[in-house]
Every structure is written in C-alpha cells, then in structure tokens.
C-alpha cells in the first residue's frame, strides 16, 4: 500500500516538474513524501500476508 502511494507521488512529481512550474513548492513536498514512504517501506521489509 505504501509502495503504491510512493510510486503515485513520484509520478505526480515528475508530471509536475515537466508541466506545472508555478506550483513547484507543492511538487517538492510530494517528492519528499514519496521518498519518506519508500524509506519506510524499505525499513519495514517485506510483509507476510
């Protein structure tokens, strides 16, 4: 779940960098959130379902 959210945030960030320069501060917030989520996912390790 967190991994999916992180990927979505990264994609939104990439789209924002390419297309929406005027809201750059918000895009960088999304990037930081995506990186934090990826780090949390890596630290937690694989989940056993």
C-alpha atoms as a PDB file:
ATOM      1  CA  UNK A   1       0.000   0.000   0.000  1.00  0.00           C
ATOM      2  CA  UNK A   2       2.713   2.471   0.977  1.00  0.00           C
ATOM      3  CA  UNK A   3       4.774   1.447  -2.026  1.00  0.00           C
ATOM      4  CA  UNK A   4       1.866   2.194  -4.361  1.00  0.00           C
ATOM      5  CA  UNK A   5       1.317   5.604  -2.795  1.00  0.00           C
ATOM      6  CA  UNK A   6       5.025   6.374  -3.115  1.00  0.00           C
ATOM      7  CA  UNK A   7       5.019   5.436  -6.805  1.00  0.00           C
ATOM      8  CA  UNK A   8       1.941   7.587  -7.425  1.00  0.00           C
ATOM      9  CA  UNK A   9       3.583  10.533  -5.654  1.00  0.00           C
ATOM     10  CA  UNK A  10       6.760  10.115  -7.696  1.00  0.00           C
ATOM     11  CA  UNK A  11       4.777  10.062 -10.938  1.00  0.00           C
ATOM     12  CA  UNK A  12       2.855  13.179  -9.881  1.00  0.00           C
ATOM     13  CA  UNK A  13       6.144  14.854  -9.035  1.00  0.00           C
ATOM     14  CA  UNK A  14       7.602  14.031 -12.439  1.00  0.00           C
ATOM     15  CA  UNK A  15       4.483  15.361 -14.160  1.00  0.00           C
ATOM     16  CA  UNK A  16       4.623  18.481 -12.052  1.00  0.00           C
ATOM     17  CA  UNK A  17       8.271  19.160 -12.831  1.00  0.00           C
ATOM     18  CA  UNK A  18       7.562  18.838 -16.543  1.00  0.00           C
ATOM     19  CA  UNK A  19       4.247  20.653 -16.743  1.00  0.00           C
ATOM     20  CA  UNK A  20       3.474  22.882 -13.767  1.00  0.00           C
ATOM     21  CA  UNK A  21       6.417  25.064 -12.827  1.00  0.00           C
ATOM     22  CA  UNK A  22       4.256  27.574 -10.951  1.00  0.00           C
ATOM     23  CA  UNK A  23       3.422  25.196  -8.081  1.00  0.00           C
ATOM     24  CA  UNK A  24       6.975  23.972  -7.636  1.00  0.00           C
ATOM     25  CA  UNK A  25       6.877  24.095  -3.838  1.00  0.00           C
ATOM     26  CA  UNK A  26       3.953  21.643  -3.738  1.00  0.00           C
ATOM     27  CA  UNK A  27       5.684  19.264  -6.114  1.00  0.00           C
ATOM     28  CA  UNK A  28       8.748  19.179  -3.892  1.00  0.00           C
ATOM     29  CA  UNK A  29       6.539  18.379  -0.901  1.00  0.00           C
ATOM     30  CA  UNK A  30       5.152  15.431  -2.884  1.00  0.00           C
ATOM     31  CA  UNK A  31       8.683  14.290  -3.690  1.00  0.00           C
ATOM     32  CA  UNK A  32       9.722  14.394  -0.042  1.00  0.00           C
ATOM     33  CA  UNK A  33       6.588  12.448   0.946  1.00  0.00           C
ATOM     34  CA  UNK A  34       7.325   9.809  -1.706  1.00  0.00           C
ATOM     35  CA  UNK A  35      10.923   9.423  -0.547  1.00  0.00           C
ATOM     36  CA  UNK A  36       9.844   9.097   3.086  1.00  0.00           C
ATOM     37  CA  UNK A  37       7.267   6.455   2.168  1.00  0.00           C
ATOM     38  CA  UNK A  38       9.835   4.495   0.166  1.00  0.00           C
ATOM     39  CA  UNK A  39      12.290   4.600   3.064  1.00  0.00           C
ATOM     40  CA  UNK A  40       9.611   3.407   5.493  1.00  0.00           C
ATOM     41  CA  UNK A  41       8.768   0.565   3.109  1.00  0.00           C
ATOM     42  CA  UNK A  42      12.417  -0.458   2.823  1.00  0.00           C
ATOM     43  CA  UNK A  43      12.978  -0.299   6.588  1.00  0.00           C
ATOM     44  CA  UNK A  44       9.834  -2.368   7.333  1.00  0.00           C
ATOM     45  CA  UNK A  45      10.880  -5.066   4.905  1.00  0.00           C
ATOM     46  CA  UNK A  46       8.522  -7.463   3.195  1.00  0.00           C
ATOM     47  CA  UNK A  47       5.171  -8.056   4.855  1.00  0.00           C
ATOM     48  CA  UNK A  48       3.917 -11.574   5.377  1.00  0.00           C
ATOM     49  CA  UNK A  49       0.310 -11.881   4.253  1.00  0.00           C
END
